[in-house]
Amino acid sequence: MSLNGIIAFTSGILSFFAPCVLPLVPSYLIFISRVSIDNLEEMKTLKYRRAMFLHAVVFVLGFSFVFVALGVSSSMIGYFLSTYQGYILKIGGAILIVMGLFYLNIIRIPVLDQERVVHLKEKPIGIFGTFFVGVTFCLGWSPCIGPVLSSILIIASTEGSAWRGVYLLSIYSLGLAIPFLVSAVLFNRLLGLLKKYGYLVRYAVKIMGVLLVCIGVLLITGHFGRLSQWLEQIL
C-alpha cells in the first residue's frame, strides 16, 4: 500500500474514534436496526444480530458512496487546476496545519466547535432507508471529521486521476467501516467497552492533530511526494 493509502486508511480509523462518532455508534446501530434498546433479550438473538450486521453493512455503503463521490470530484478539480497544483498544495498544507493545531487544542476555531448533525426522527423503512441514513451521516455530521477528510481530499486532488481519488476515499471509508462493523458484531458488549475504553477518544483526537500537522508541513515543503516515492521504492 502506498503512503497515500496508509494515510487514508489510518485517517478512516481515527475518524471512527472522533468524539462526534464513537459515543453515538450504539445509538446509530439501534436506530438503523429499528429495535428498542429496552428489549435486551431480542438484541441477544442470532436473528437480530444478523439483521443489525446487515443494516450496518448497508449503512457503511451509504456513507462510502458519498465519500467516494467526493474523491472523484476532488480528483477532477485537481486535474483541471493542475497548473496551479503547487499553490494548491501549499494552501492546503497551511489549512491542514491550522486544523491540526485545532485538534491539539492550541488554537480555537468556533466554526469547528459547532455540531452540525442531521437528526432523523424516524428511519426510513428497509434496507434503502438504512442506505439513506448512511448518506446523511457524512453529509450532515459534525465537522469534527471534516479536517481529517479534507486531508484525504487534498491528497486526492494531486493524484491527477479520478480512479486514484476513488481508491483513496475507498480506503478511507474502509478504515472507518471496519470498526463500525466490528461494533455491530460486538454490540452486546459495546456499551461496556465504550465505558471502559472511552478515554481513547481524546488520544485519537491528538493523534489526528499530529497527523494533520505533519501532512501539512510535508505538503508545504514539497517533501510529501518525495517521501511517497521513497516508501514505494522500499516497500
Protein backbone atom coordinates (compact mmCIF):
# COMPACT_ATOMS: atom_id res chain seq x y z
CA MET A 1 0.00 0.00 0.00
CA SER A 2 1.29 3.49 -0.89
CA LEU A 3 1.89 6.27 1.63
CA ASN A 4 -1.33 7.94 0.48
CA GLY A 5 -3.25 4.71 1.07
CA ILE A 6 -1.73 4.26 4.54
CA ILE A 7 -2.67 7.82 5.47
CA ALA A 8 -6.21 7.35 4.12
CA PHE A 9 -6.75 4.08 6.00
CA THR A 10 -5.31 5.45 9.24
CA SER A 11 -7.42 8.59 8.91
CA GLY A 12 -10.55 6.47 8.49
CA ILE A 13 -9.85 4.52 11.67
CA LEU A 14 -9.07 7.71 13.63
CA SER A 15 -12.29 9.29 12.32
CA PHE A 16 -14.26 6.46 13.93
CA PHE A 17 -12.75 7.34 17.30
CA ALA A 18 -13.60 11.03 16.95
CA PRO A 19 -15.76 12.41 19.78
CA CYS A 20 -18.62 13.07 17.34
CA VAL A 21 -18.68 9.46 16.11
CA LEU A 22 -17.67 6.82 18.67
CA PRO A 23 -20.03 7.80 21.53
CA LEU A 24 -23.01 7.75 19.13
CA VAL A 25 -22.24 4.41 17.46
CA PRO A 26 -24.62 2.42 19.73
CA SER A 27 -27.42 4.89 19.02
CA TYR A 28 -26.87 4.64 15.28
CA LEU A 29 -26.83 0.84 15.36
CA ILE A 30 -30.09 0.77 17.30
CA PHE A 31 -31.61 3.42 15.02
CA ILE A 32 -30.83 1.65 11.74
CA SER A 33 -31.92 -1.76 13.04
CA ARG A 34 -35.22 -0.39 14.45
CA VAL A 35 -35.15 -2.36 17.70
CA SER A 36 -35.81 -0.78 21.06
CA ILE A 37 -32.87 -0.71 23.46
CA ASP A 38 -35.29 -1.74 26.22
CA ASN A 39 -35.75 -5.14 24.59
CA LEU A 40 -32.36 -6.54 25.52
CA GLU A 41 -33.41 -10.16 25.08
CA GLU A 42 -34.29 -9.55 21.45
CA MET A 43 -30.90 -7.95 20.90
CA LYS A 44 -29.19 -11.16 22.03
CA THR A 45 -30.88 -13.37 19.46
CA LEU A 46 -28.94 -14.54 16.41
CA LYS A 47 -31.71 -13.26 14.12
CA TYR A 48 -31.41 -9.73 15.48
CA ARG A 49 -27.62 -9.74 15.39
CA ARG A 50 -27.68 -10.80 11.75
CA ALA A 51 -30.19 -8.06 10.94
CA MET A 52 -28.08 -5.47 12.75
CA PHE A 53 -24.94 -6.52 10.87
CA LEU A 54 -26.77 -6.40 7.53
CA HIS A 55 -28.04 -2.89 8.24
CA ALA A 56 -24.56 -1.87 9.41
CA VAL A 57 -23.10 -3.03 6.07
CA VAL A 58 -25.71 -1.03 4.13
CA PHE A 59 -25.10 1.98 6.39
CA VAL A 60 -21.39 1.74 5.58
CA LEU A 61 -22.16 1.58 1.86
CA GLY A 62 -24.24 4.75 2.24
CA PHE A 63 -21.51 6.93 3.70
CA SER A 64 -18.86 5.28 1.50
CA PHE A 65 -20.85 6.27 -1.59
CA VAL A 66 -20.68 9.94 -0.65
CA PHE A 67 -17.02 9.83 0.37
CA VAL A 68 -16.03 8.17 -2.92
CA ALA A 69 -18.08 10.72 -4.87
CA LEU A 70 -16.18 13.48 -3.06
CA GLY A 71 -12.93 11.76 -4.01
CA VAL A 72 -13.86 11.72 -7.69
CA SER A 73 -14.86 15.40 -7.57
CA SER A 74 -11.65 16.36 -5.79
CA SER A 75 -9.50 14.49 -8.31
CA MET A 76 -11.29 16.10 -11.26
CA ILE A 77 -10.92 19.58 -9.78
CA GLY A 78 -7.24 18.89 -9.17
CA TYR A 79 -6.85 17.74 -12.78
CA PHE A 80 -8.33 20.94 -14.21
CA LEU A 81 -6.27 23.07 -11.84
CA SER A 82 -3.06 21.08 -12.29
CA THR A 83 -1.28 24.23 -13.49
CA TYR A 84 -1.72 25.69 -10.02
CA GLN A 85 -1.02 22.46 -8.14
CA GLY A 86 1.98 23.93 -6.33
CA TYR A 87 -0.13 26.74 -4.90
CA ILE A 88 -2.98 24.35 -4.07
CA LEU A 89 -0.62 22.09 -2.10
CA LYS A 90 0.81 24.99 -0.11
CA ILE A 91 -2.61 26.47 0.67
CA GLY A 92 -3.99 23.02 1.50
CA GLY A 93 -0.98 22.27 3.70
CA ALA A 94 -1.45 25.53 5.61
CA ILE A 95 -5.13 24.72 6.14
CA LEU A 96 -4.25 21.24 7.44
CA ILE A 97 -1.72 22.69 9.89
CA VAL A 98 -4.36 25.07 11.25
CA MET A 99 -6.85 22.20 11.59
CA GLY A 100 -4.22 20.04 13.27
CA LEU A 101 -3.50 22.80 15.79
CA PHE A 102 -7.24 22.96 16.44
CA TYR A 103 -7.30 19.24 17.24
CA LEU A 104 -4.34 19.74 19.57
CA ASN A 105 -6.23 22.50 21.41
CA ILE A 106 -3.54 25.02 20.57
CA ILE A 107 -5.96 27.29 18.70
CA ARG A 108 -9.74 27.57 18.71
CA ILE A 109 -11.94 27.64 15.60
CA PRO A 110 -15.56 28.40 16.60
CA VAL A 111 -16.96 27.01 13.34
CA LEU A 112 -15.46 23.59 14.02
CA ASP A 113 -16.76 23.64 17.59
CA GLN A 114 -20.33 23.81 16.35
CA GLU A 115 -22.00 20.45 15.94
CA ARG A 116 -23.88 20.05 12.67
CA VAL A 117 -25.70 16.75 12.84
CA VAL A 118 -28.68 15.89 10.68
CA HIS A 119 -31.25 14.41 13.05
CA LEU A 120 -33.78 11.96 11.67
CA LYS A 121 -36.83 11.46 13.86
CA GLU A 122 -37.58 8.11 12.26
CA LYS A 123 -35.57 5.86 10.00
CA PRO A 124 -37.00 5.26 6.52
CA ILE A 125 -38.18 1.68 6.22
CA GLY A 126 -36.00 -1.12 4.89
CA ILE A 127 -32.51 -1.52 3.51
CA PHE A 128 -32.82 1.55 1.27
CA GLY A 129 -33.76 3.55 4.34
CA THR A 130 -30.56 2.43 6.04
CA PHE A 131 -28.57 3.45 2.95
CA PHE A 132 -30.18 6.90 3.15
CA VAL A 133 -29.20 7.20 6.82
CA GLY A 134 -25.62 6.34 5.83
CA VAL A 135 -25.69 9.12 3.24
CA THR A 136 -26.97 11.68 5.76
CA PHE A 137 -24.28 10.54 8.20
CA CYS A 138 -21.49 12.08 6.15
CA LEU A 139 -23.48 14.95 4.64
CA GLY A 140 -24.70 16.39 7.91
CA TRP A 141 -22.33 15.03 10.52
CA SER A 142 -20.40 17.21 12.91
CA PRO A 143 -17.44 18.94 11.24
CA CYS A 144 -15.09 17.20 13.66
CA ILE A 145 -14.26 14.58 10.99
CA GLY A 146 -14.14 17.25 8.30
CA PRO A 147 -10.48 18.23 8.82
CA VAL A 148 -9.29 14.62 8.51
CA LEU A 149 -11.46 14.05 5.44
CA SER A 150 -10.12 17.30 3.98
CA SER A 151 -6.57 15.98 4.19
CA ILE A 152 -7.52 12.96 2.08
CA LEU A 153 -9.38 15.13 -0.43
CA ILE A 154 -6.38 17.45 -0.78
CA ILE A 155 -4.13 14.45 -1.42
CA ALA A 156 -6.67 13.05 -3.89
CA SER A 157 -6.69 16.36 -5.77
CA THR A 158 -2.98 15.91 -6.51
CA GLU A 159 -3.36 12.43 -7.99
CA GLY A 160 -4.48 13.62 -11.44
CA SER A 161 -6.78 10.63 -11.85
CA ALA A 162 -10.39 10.12 -10.81
CA TRP A 163 -9.65 6.45 -10.17
CA ARG A 164 -6.94 7.40 -7.68
CA GLY A 165 -9.49 9.56 -5.93
CA VAL A 166 -11.87 6.60 -5.82
CA TYR A 167 -9.07 4.44 -4.42
CA LEU A 168 -8.07 6.85 -1.65
CA LEU A 169 -11.61 7.59 -0.49
CA SER A 170 -12.48 3.88 -0.67
CA ILE A 171 -9.52 3.14 1.60
CA TYR A 172 -10.61 5.95 3.94
CA SER A 173 -14.15 4.54 4.02
CA LEU A 174 -12.76 1.07 4.73
CA GLY A 175 -10.82 2.41 7.71
CA LEU A 176 -13.99 3.99 9.07
CA ALA A 177 -16.16 0.98 8.19
CA ILE A 178 -14.14 -1.82 9.82
CA PRO A 179 -14.51 -0.66 13.45
CA PHE A 180 -18.16 0.21 12.79
CA LEU A 181 -18.88 -3.32 11.57
CA VAL A 182 -16.93 -4.79 14.48
CA SER A 183 -19.12 -2.71 16.79
CA ALA A 184 -22.21 -4.24 15.19
CA VAL A 185 -20.85 -7.75 15.77
CA LEU A 186 -19.92 -6.99 19.39
CA PHE A 187 -22.99 -4.89 20.10
CA ASN A 188 -23.93 -6.81 23.26
CA ARG A 189 -20.60 -5.81 24.77
CA LEU A 190 -20.29 -2.43 23.09
CA LEU A 191 -21.63 -0.23 25.88
CA GLY A 192 -19.32 -1.89 28.39
CA LEU A 193 -16.33 -1.48 26.07
CA LEU A 194 -17.15 2.19 25.50
CA LYS A 195 -17.39 2.78 29.22
CA LYS A 196 -14.06 1.02 29.80
CA TYR A 197 -12.10 2.40 26.85
CA GLY A 198 -13.94 5.62 26.07
CA TYR A 199 -10.91 7.61 27.19
CA LEU A 200 -9.17 6.57 23.96
CA VAL A 201 -11.21 9.24 22.15
CA ARG A 202 -9.06 12.07 23.44
CA TYR A 203 -5.89 10.27 22.36
CA ALA A 204 -7.34 9.66 18.89
CA VAL A 205 -8.03 13.39 18.57
CA LYS A 206 -4.43 14.22 19.50
CA ILE A 207 -3.08 11.68 17.01
CA MET A 208 -5.30 13.21 14.30
CA GLY A 209 -3.93 16.64 15.16
CA VAL A 210 -0.30 15.49 14.88
CA LEU A 211 -1.07 13.66 11.62
CA LEU A 212 -2.65 16.74 10.06
CA VAL A 213 0.24 18.99 11.08
CA CYS A 214 2.79 16.52 9.68
CA ILE A 215 0.92 16.16 6.37
CA GLY A 216 0.53 19.94 6.15
CA VAL A 217 4.25 20.54 6.69
CA LEU A 218 5.17 17.88 4.10
CA LEU A 219 2.80 19.42 1.55
CA ILE A 220 4.10 22.96 2.07
CA THR A 221 7.75 21.92 1.89
CA GLY A 222 7.21 19.66 -1.12
CA HIS A 223 8.56 16.61 0.71
CA PHE A 224 5.26 14.70 0.65
CA GLY A 225 5.70 13.48 -2.93
CA ARG A 226 9.36 12.59 -2.33
CA LEU A 227 8.51 10.64 0.82
CA SER A 228 5.74 8.81 -1.01
CA GLN A 229 8.08 7.83 -3.87
CA TRP A 230 10.76 6.69 -1.43
CA LEU A 231 8.35 4.48 0.50
CA GLU A 232 7.04 2.93 -2.72
CA GLN A 233 10.60 2.01 -3.67
CA ILE A 234 11.42 0.28 -0.39
CA LEU A 235 8.06 -1.44 0.15
